[in-house]
């Protein structure tokens, strides 16, 4: 494993995750502040928007994967099949039950999501297809 390439991959994932985090926070804030809904629907909608953004960018630019999009998305869906209910219930319990600040709770969920999803994507979703798309092939041809 090339340590420099993995460091670069981690930094790309971080930057795209930050952009997805901005999307999640802005959409969460808009829903939370304007609609007066409980925590969980605001969080859930914001999470879905950020996941779609993050998956698209990370598949193409971070993992440079040419794998089948529906297969990769199905694998990511499996991750969120567990993460989403767990983080929604946990977040709702903290925000509504313990009266923690909704933004702090969302931030905690975002950090957990970042770490767990990177590991899941790197070692499960894209494990066998890293650096197989046209961007990776162009880079290899230049090197």
N, C-alpha and C. Protein backbone atom coordinates (compact mmCIF):
# COMPACT_ATOMS: atom_id res chain seq x y z
N UNK A 1 0.85 -1.18 0.00
CA UNK A 1 0.00 0.00 0.00
C UNK A 1 0.89 1.25 0.00
N UNK A 2 0.67 2.14 -0.94
CA UNK A 2 1.42 3.38 -1.06
C UNK A 2 0.92 4.37 -0.01
N UNK A 3 1.77 4.68 0.96
CA UNK A 3 1.36 5.55 2.06
C UNK A 3 0.98 6.96 1.59
N UNK A 4 1.71 7.48 0.61
CA UNK A 4 1.41 8.82 0.09
C UNK A 4 0.03 8.84 -0.57
N UNK A 5 -0.25 7.81 -1.36
CA UNK A 5 -1.56 7.74 -2.04
C UNK A 5 -2.69 7.62 -1.01
N UNK A 6 -2.47 6.84 0.04
CA UNK A 6 -3.50 6.67 1.07
C UNK A 6 -3.70 7.96 1.86
N UNK A 7 -2.63 8.69 2.11
CA UNK A 7 -2.75 9.98 2.80
C UNK A 7 -3.55 10.95 1.93
N UNK A 8 -3.23 11.00 0.65
CA UNK A 8 -3.96 11.86 -0.27
C UNK A 8 -5.43 11.45 -0.34
N UNK A 9 -5.68 10.15 -0.38
CA UNK A 9 -7.06 9.64 -0.41
C UNK A 9 -7.81 10.07 0.86
N UNK A 10 -7.15 9.97 1.99
CA UNK A 10 -7.77 10.38 3.27
C UNK A 10 -8.08 11.87 3.29
N UNK A 11 -7.16 12.68 2.76
CA UNK A 11 -7.38 14.13 2.72
C UNK A 11 -8.52 14.50 1.78
N UNK A 12 -8.60 13.83 0.63
CA UNK A 12 -9.72 14.07 -0.28
C UNK A 12 -11.04 13.71 0.40
N UNK A 13 -11.06 12.55 1.06
CA UNK A 13 -12.27 12.13 1.75
C UNK A 13 -12.66 13.17 2.80
N UNK A 14 -11.68 13.68 3.52
CA UNK A 14 -11.94 14.71 4.53
C UNK A 14 -12.55 15.96 3.89
N UNK A 15 -11.96 16.43 2.81
CA UNK A 15 -12.46 17.66 2.17
C UNK A 15 -13.86 17.46 1.60
N UNK A 16 -14.11 16.33 0.96
CA UNK A 16 -15.46 16.08 0.44
C UNK A 16 -16.45 15.90 1.58
N UNK A 17 -15.99 15.30 2.67
CA UNK A 17 -16.86 15.13 3.83
C UNK A 17 -17.19 16.47 4.46
N UNK A 18 -16.23 17.38 4.46
CA UNK A 18 -16.49 18.73 4.97
C UNK A 18 -17.56 19.40 4.11
N UNK A 19 -17.43 19.26 2.78
CA UNK A 19 -18.45 19.86 1.91
C UNK A 19 -19.81 19.21 2.14
N UNK A 20 -19.83 17.89 2.34
CA UNK A 20 -21.10 17.21 2.65
C UNK A 20 -21.62 17.65 4.01
N UNK A 21 -20.69 17.88 4.94
CA UNK A 21 -21.09 18.37 6.26
C UNK A 21 -21.73 19.75 6.20
N UNK A 22 -21.21 20.59 5.32
CA UNK A 22 -21.80 21.91 5.14
C UNK A 22 -23.22 21.78 4.60
N UNK A 23 -23.38 20.89 3.62
CA UNK A 23 -24.71 20.64 3.07
C UNK A 23 -25.64 20.12 4.16
N UNK A 24 -25.14 19.21 4.98
CA UNK A 24 -25.96 18.65 6.05
C UNK A 24 -26.33 19.72 7.07
N UNK A 25 -25.37 20.51 7.50
CA UNK A 25 -25.65 21.54 8.51
C UNK A 25 -26.60 22.62 7.99
N UNK A 26 -26.38 23.06 6.77
CA UNK A 26 -27.23 24.11 6.21
C UNK A 26 -28.66 23.59 6.03
N UNK A 27 -28.79 22.40 5.47
CA UNK A 27 -30.14 21.86 5.27
C UNK A 27 -30.80 21.55 6.61
N UNK A 28 -30.02 21.05 7.57
CA UNK A 28 -30.57 20.80 8.90
C UNK A 28 -31.05 22.11 9.53
N UNK A 29 -30.21 23.14 9.44
CA UNK A 29 -30.58 24.44 10.05
C UNK A 29 -31.82 25.02 9.39
N UNK A 30 -31.90 24.95 8.07
CA UNK A 30 -33.08 25.46 7.38
C UNK A 30 -34.34 24.73 7.83
N UNK A 31 -34.27 23.42 7.88
CA UNK A 31 -35.43 22.63 8.31
C UNK A 31 -35.76 22.88 9.78
N UNK A 32 -34.74 22.86 10.62
CA UNK A 32 -34.93 22.99 12.06
C UNK A 32 -35.47 24.36 12.45
N UNK A 33 -34.93 25.40 11.82
CA UNK A 33 -35.30 26.77 12.20
C UNK A 33 -36.59 27.25 11.54
N UNK A 34 -36.91 26.75 10.37
CA UNK A 34 -38.08 27.28 9.66
C UNK A 34 -39.34 26.44 9.85
N UNK A 35 -39.19 25.14 10.04
CA UNK A 35 -40.38 24.29 10.09
C UNK A 35 -40.81 23.91 11.51
N UNK A 36 -39.88 24.02 12.45
CA UNK A 36 -40.21 23.67 13.83
C UNK A 36 -40.48 22.19 14.04
N UNK A 37 -39.94 21.36 13.16
CA UNK A 37 -40.12 19.91 13.28
C UNK A 37 -39.28 19.37 14.42
N UNK A 38 -39.57 18.17 14.89
CA UNK A 38 -38.69 17.50 15.86
C UNK A 38 -37.31 17.24 15.22
N UNK A 39 -36.38 16.86 16.05
CA UNK A 39 -35.00 16.64 15.59
C UNK A 39 -34.92 15.63 14.46
N UNK A 40 -35.56 14.47 14.62
CA UNK A 40 -35.28 13.35 13.72
C UNK A 40 -35.61 13.58 12.25
N UNK A 41 -36.73 14.20 11.86
CA UNK A 41 -36.93 14.38 10.41
C UNK A 41 -35.96 15.40 9.80
N UNK A 42 -35.61 16.41 10.58
CA UNK A 42 -34.64 17.40 10.09
C UNK A 42 -33.29 16.72 9.85
N UNK A 43 -32.87 15.93 10.82
CA UNK A 43 -31.60 15.21 10.71
C UNK A 43 -31.63 14.23 9.55
N UNK A 44 -32.69 13.47 9.42
CA UNK A 44 -32.80 12.43 8.41
C UNK A 44 -32.74 13.02 7.00
N UNK A 45 -33.47 14.06 6.73
CA UNK A 45 -33.45 14.70 5.40
C UNK A 45 -32.06 15.27 5.12
N UNK A 46 -31.47 15.95 6.08
CA UNK A 46 -30.14 16.53 5.90
C UNK A 46 -29.10 15.44 5.67
N UNK A 47 -29.22 14.33 6.37
CA UNK A 47 -28.28 13.23 6.20
C UNK A 47 -28.36 12.64 4.79
N UNK A 48 -29.56 12.42 4.29
CA UNK A 48 -29.73 11.86 2.95
C UNK A 48 -29.10 12.78 1.89
N UNK A 49 -29.33 14.06 2.01
CA UNK A 49 -28.74 15.01 1.06
C UNK A 49 -27.21 14.95 1.09
N UNK A 50 -26.65 14.90 2.27
CA UNK A 50 -25.18 14.88 2.38
C UNK A 50 -24.60 13.55 1.90
N UNK A 51 -25.30 12.46 2.14
CA UNK A 51 -24.81 11.14 1.70
C UNK A 51 -24.76 11.06 0.18
N UNK A 52 -25.79 11.54 -0.48
CA UNK A 52 -25.80 11.52 -1.94
C UNK A 52 -24.64 12.33 -2.52
N UNK A 53 -24.43 13.50 -1.97
CA UNK A 53 -23.32 14.36 -2.39
C UNK A 53 -21.98 13.67 -2.14
N UNK A 54 -21.79 13.18 -0.93
CA UNK A 54 -20.52 12.58 -0.53
C UNK A 54 -20.21 11.33 -1.34
N UNK A 55 -21.21 10.47 -1.55
CA UNK A 55 -21.00 9.25 -2.32
C UNK A 55 -20.54 9.58 -3.74
N UNK A 56 -21.22 10.51 -4.36
CA UNK A 56 -20.91 10.86 -5.75
C UNK A 56 -19.48 11.36 -5.89
N UNK A 57 -19.09 12.29 -5.04
CA UNK A 57 -17.74 12.85 -5.13
C UNK A 57 -16.66 11.85 -4.73
N UNK A 58 -16.89 11.13 -3.65
CA UNK A 58 -15.86 10.19 -3.20
C UNK A 58 -15.68 9.01 -4.14
N UNK A 59 -16.75 8.55 -4.75
CA UNK A 59 -16.63 7.44 -5.70
C UNK A 59 -15.76 7.87 -6.87
N UNK A 60 -16.01 9.06 -7.38
CA UNK A 60 -15.28 9.51 -8.58
C UNK A 60 -13.87 10.01 -8.28
N UNK A 61 -13.70 10.83 -7.25
CA UNK A 61 -12.43 11.51 -7.06
C UNK A 61 -11.55 10.93 -5.95
N UNK A 62 -12.13 10.44 -4.89
CA UNK A 62 -11.32 9.92 -3.78
C UNK A 62 -10.88 8.49 -4.05
N UNK A 63 -11.84 7.63 -4.33
CA UNK A 63 -11.53 6.21 -4.56
C UNK A 63 -11.34 5.91 -6.04
N UNK A 64 -11.70 6.85 -6.90
CA UNK A 64 -11.54 6.75 -8.35
C UNK A 64 -11.95 5.36 -8.84
N UNK A 65 -13.17 5.04 -8.50
CA UNK A 65 -13.69 3.70 -8.73
C UNK A 65 -14.53 3.62 -10.01
N UNK A 66 -14.30 2.56 -10.77
CA UNK A 66 -15.09 2.30 -11.97
C UNK A 66 -16.11 1.20 -11.72
N UNK A 67 -16.32 0.85 -10.45
CA UNK A 67 -17.26 -0.23 -10.17
C UNK A 67 -18.69 0.17 -10.51
N UNK A 68 -19.54 -0.79 -10.51
CA UNK A 68 -20.94 -0.61 -10.84
C UNK A 68 -21.59 0.31 -9.80
N UNK A 69 -22.16 1.42 -10.26
CA UNK A 69 -22.75 2.41 -9.35
C UNK A 69 -23.87 1.81 -8.50
N UNK A 70 -24.82 1.07 -9.09
CA UNK A 70 -25.88 0.50 -8.24
C UNK A 70 -25.34 -0.46 -7.17
N UNK A 71 -24.30 -1.23 -7.51
CA UNK A 71 -23.71 -2.15 -6.52
C UNK A 71 -23.04 -1.35 -5.39
N UNK A 72 -22.26 -0.35 -5.77
CA UNK A 72 -21.59 0.48 -4.76
C UNK A 72 -22.62 1.21 -3.90
N UNK A 73 -23.66 1.74 -4.53
CA UNK A 73 -24.71 2.44 -3.78
C UNK A 73 -25.45 1.48 -2.86
N UNK A 74 -25.66 0.26 -3.30
CA UNK A 74 -26.32 -0.74 -2.45
C UNK A 74 -25.46 -1.04 -1.21
N UNK A 75 -24.15 -1.11 -1.40
CA UNK A 75 -23.26 -1.35 -0.26
C UNK A 75 -23.30 -0.17 0.71
N UNK A 76 -23.32 1.04 0.17
CA UNK A 76 -23.41 2.23 1.02
C UNK A 76 -24.77 2.25 1.72
N UNK A 77 -25.81 1.85 1.00
CA UNK A 77 -27.15 1.77 1.59
C UNK A 77 -27.14 0.82 2.80
N UNK A 78 -26.41 -0.29 2.71
CA UNK A 78 -26.31 -1.22 3.84
C UNK A 78 -25.69 -0.54 5.06
N UNK A 79 -24.66 0.27 4.82
CA UNK A 79 -24.05 1.01 5.92
C UNK A 79 -25.08 1.91 6.58
N UNK A 80 -25.82 2.66 5.76
CA UNK A 80 -26.80 3.60 6.29
C UNK A 80 -28.05 2.92 6.83
N UNK A 81 -28.27 1.68 6.43
CA UNK A 81 -29.36 0.90 7.00
C UNK A 81 -29.14 0.68 8.50
N UNK A 82 -27.89 0.63 8.90
CA UNK A 82 -27.54 0.49 10.31
C UNK A 82 -27.26 1.86 10.94
N UNK A 83 -26.43 2.66 10.26
CA UNK A 83 -26.02 3.94 10.85
C UNK A 83 -27.19 4.90 11.03
N UNK A 84 -28.07 4.99 10.05
CA UNK A 84 -29.14 5.98 10.11
C UNK A 84 -30.09 5.76 11.28
N UNK A 85 -30.65 4.56 11.45
CA UNK A 85 -31.53 4.39 12.62
C UNK A 85 -30.77 4.59 13.94
N UNK A 86 -29.55 4.06 14.00
CA UNK A 86 -28.79 4.18 15.25
C UNK A 86 -28.50 5.65 15.57
N UNK A 87 -28.04 6.41 14.57
CA UNK A 87 -27.70 7.81 14.83
C UNK A 87 -28.95 8.66 15.01
N UNK A 88 -30.04 8.30 14.34
CA UNK A 88 -31.28 9.06 14.50
C UNK A 88 -31.87 8.85 15.89
N UNK A 89 -31.91 7.61 16.32
CA UNK A 89 -32.45 7.31 17.66
C UNK A 89 -31.55 7.91 18.74
N UNK A 90 -30.23 7.71 18.58
CA UNK A 90 -29.27 8.26 19.54
C UNK A 90 -29.35 9.78 19.57
N UNK A 91 -29.38 10.40 18.38
CA UNK A 91 -29.46 11.85 18.30
C UNK A 91 -30.75 12.39 18.86
N UNK A 92 -31.85 11.73 18.56
CA UNK A 92 -33.15 12.17 19.08
C UNK A 92 -33.19 12.04 20.60
N UNK A 93 -32.61 10.97 21.12
CA UNK A 93 -32.56 10.77 22.57
C UNK A 93 -31.75 11.89 23.24
N UNK A 94 -30.60 12.24 22.62
CA UNK A 94 -29.79 13.32 23.18
C UNK A 94 -30.49 14.68 23.07
N UNK A 95 -31.06 14.95 21.89
CA UNK A 95 -31.66 16.27 21.64
C UNK A 95 -33.01 16.45 22.32
N UNK A 96 -33.87 15.46 22.18
CA UNK A 96 -35.22 15.59 22.71
C UNK A 96 -35.33 15.08 24.15
N UNK A 97 -34.64 13.99 24.45
CA UNK A 97 -34.74 13.39 25.78
C UNK A 97 -33.88 14.07 26.82
N UNK A 98 -32.61 14.31 26.45
CA UNK A 98 -31.68 14.94 27.39
C UNK A 98 -31.53 16.44 27.17
N UNK A 99 -32.19 16.95 26.15
CA UNK A 99 -32.19 18.39 25.83
C UNK A 99 -30.80 18.93 25.51
N UNK A 100 -29.99 18.11 24.82
CA UNK A 100 -28.71 18.60 24.33
C UNK A 100 -28.99 19.51 23.14
N UNK A 101 -28.08 20.39 22.87
CA UNK A 101 -28.19 21.28 21.72
C UNK A 101 -28.21 20.45 20.43
N UNK A 102 -29.19 20.73 19.56
CA UNK A 102 -29.37 19.96 18.33
C UNK A 102 -28.14 20.02 17.42
N UNK A 103 -27.47 21.15 17.41
CA UNK A 103 -26.29 21.30 16.55
C UNK A 103 -25.09 20.52 17.09
N UNK A 104 -24.95 20.47 18.41
CA UNK A 104 -23.90 19.64 19.00
C UNK A 104 -24.15 18.17 18.68
N UNK A 105 -25.39 17.74 18.82
CA UNK A 105 -25.75 16.34 18.53
C UNK A 105 -25.48 16.03 17.05
N UNK A 106 -25.87 16.92 16.17
CA UNK A 106 -25.63 16.72 14.75
C UNK A 106 -24.13 16.65 14.47
N UNK A 107 -23.36 17.49 15.12
CA UNK A 107 -21.90 17.47 14.95
C UNK A 107 -21.30 16.16 15.41
N UNK A 108 -21.75 15.64 16.54
CA UNK A 108 -21.27 14.34 17.03
C UNK A 108 -21.59 13.25 16.01
N UNK A 109 -22.82 13.25 15.50
CA UNK A 109 -23.20 12.26 14.49
C UNK A 109 -22.37 12.40 13.22
N UNK A 110 -22.05 13.62 12.85
CA UNK A 110 -21.25 13.84 11.65
C UNK A 110 -19.83 13.29 11.81
N UNK A 111 -19.23 13.48 12.96
CA UNK A 111 -17.88 12.95 13.21
C UNK A 111 -17.90 11.42 13.19
N UNK A 112 -18.89 10.84 13.86
CA UNK A 112 -19.02 9.38 13.82
C UNK A 112 -19.21 8.88 12.39
N UNK A 113 -20.05 9.55 11.65
CA UNK A 113 -20.31 9.18 10.26
C UNK A 113 -19.04 9.26 9.43
N UNK A 114 -18.27 10.32 9.59
CA UNK A 114 -17.04 10.53 8.83
C UNK A 114 -16.07 9.36 9.04
N UNK A 115 -15.79 9.04 10.27
CA UNK A 115 -14.81 8.00 10.58
C UNK A 115 -15.30 6.63 10.11
N UNK A 116 -16.51 6.29 10.49
CA UNK A 116 -17.04 4.96 10.15
C UNK A 116 -17.23 4.78 8.64
N UNK A 117 -17.71 5.82 7.97
CA UNK A 117 -17.93 5.68 6.53
C UNK A 117 -16.62 5.59 5.76
N UNK A 118 -15.60 6.33 6.17
CA UNK A 118 -14.31 6.21 5.47
C UNK A 118 -13.81 4.77 5.55
N UNK A 119 -13.81 4.21 6.74
CA UNK A 119 -13.32 2.84 6.90
C UNK A 119 -14.17 1.85 6.10
N UNK A 120 -15.46 2.02 6.15
CA UNK A 120 -16.38 1.14 5.43
C UNK A 120 -16.18 1.26 3.91
N UNK A 121 -16.10 2.49 3.41
CA UNK A 121 -15.89 2.69 1.97
C UNK A 121 -14.54 2.15 1.52
N UNK A 122 -13.51 2.48 2.26
CA UNK A 122 -12.14 2.09 1.88
C UNK A 122 -11.96 0.58 1.88
N UNK A 123 -12.47 -0.08 2.90
CA UNK A 123 -12.18 -1.50 3.06
C UNK A 123 -13.31 -2.44 2.66
N UNK A 124 -14.46 -1.89 2.28
CA UNK A 124 -15.55 -2.75 1.83
C UNK A 124 -16.13 -2.31 0.49
N UNK A 125 -16.64 -1.11 0.42
CA UNK A 125 -17.35 -0.67 -0.80
C UNK A 125 -16.40 -0.60 -1.99
N UNK A 126 -15.26 0.06 -1.85
CA UNK A 126 -14.37 0.29 -2.99
C UNK A 126 -13.08 -0.52 -2.91
N UNK A 127 -12.99 -1.42 -1.98
CA UNK A 127 -11.76 -2.19 -1.74
C UNK A 127 -11.12 -2.74 -3.02
N UNK A 128 -11.91 -3.39 -3.87
CA UNK A 128 -11.37 -4.04 -5.06
C UNK A 128 -11.42 -3.17 -6.31
N UNK A 129 -11.91 -1.95 -6.19
CA UNK A 129 -12.04 -1.12 -7.39
C UNK A 129 -11.36 0.25 -7.25
N UNK A 130 -10.51 0.40 -6.26
CA UNK A 130 -9.83 1.68 -6.07
C UNK A 130 -8.89 1.94 -7.25
N UNK A 131 -8.92 3.16 -7.73
CA UNK A 131 -8.06 3.62 -8.82
C UNK A 131 -8.28 2.85 -10.12
N UNK A 132 -9.54 2.61 -10.45
CA UNK A 132 -9.86 1.89 -11.69
C UNK A 132 -10.62 2.73 -12.70
N UNK A 133 -11.00 3.97 -12.36
CA UNK A 133 -11.79 4.77 -13.31
C UNK A 133 -10.87 5.53 -14.27
N UNK A 134 -11.48 6.29 -15.16
CA UNK A 134 -10.71 7.00 -16.19
C UNK A 134 -9.75 8.03 -15.61
N UNK A 135 -10.11 8.65 -14.49
CA UNK A 135 -9.19 9.61 -13.86
C UNK A 135 -7.91 8.92 -13.40
N UNK A 136 -8.05 7.76 -12.81
CA UNK A 136 -6.88 7.01 -12.34
C UNK A 136 -6.03 6.54 -13.50
N UNK A 137 -6.68 6.11 -14.56
CA UNK A 137 -5.93 5.63 -15.74
C UNK A 137 -5.16 6.76 -16.40
N UNK A 138 -5.77 7.95 -16.47
CA UNK A 138 -5.06 9.12 -17.01
C UNK A 138 -3.84 9.46 -16.16
N UNK A 139 -4.02 9.41 -14.84
CA UNK A 139 -2.92 9.70 -13.91
C UNK A 139 -1.80 8.68 -14.10
N UNK A 140 -2.16 7.40 -14.21
CA UNK A 140 -1.15 6.36 -14.41
C UNK A 140 -0.39 6.56 -15.72
N UNK A 141 -1.09 7.00 -16.76
CA UNK A 141 -0.45 7.22 -18.06
C UNK A 141 0.55 8.38 -17.98
N UNK A 142 0.26 9.38 -17.13
CA UNK A 142 1.18 10.52 -16.98
C UNK A 142 2.39 10.16 -16.14
N UNK A 143 2.24 9.19 -15.25
CA UNK A 143 3.34 8.83 -14.33
C UNK A 143 4.32 7.93 -14.98
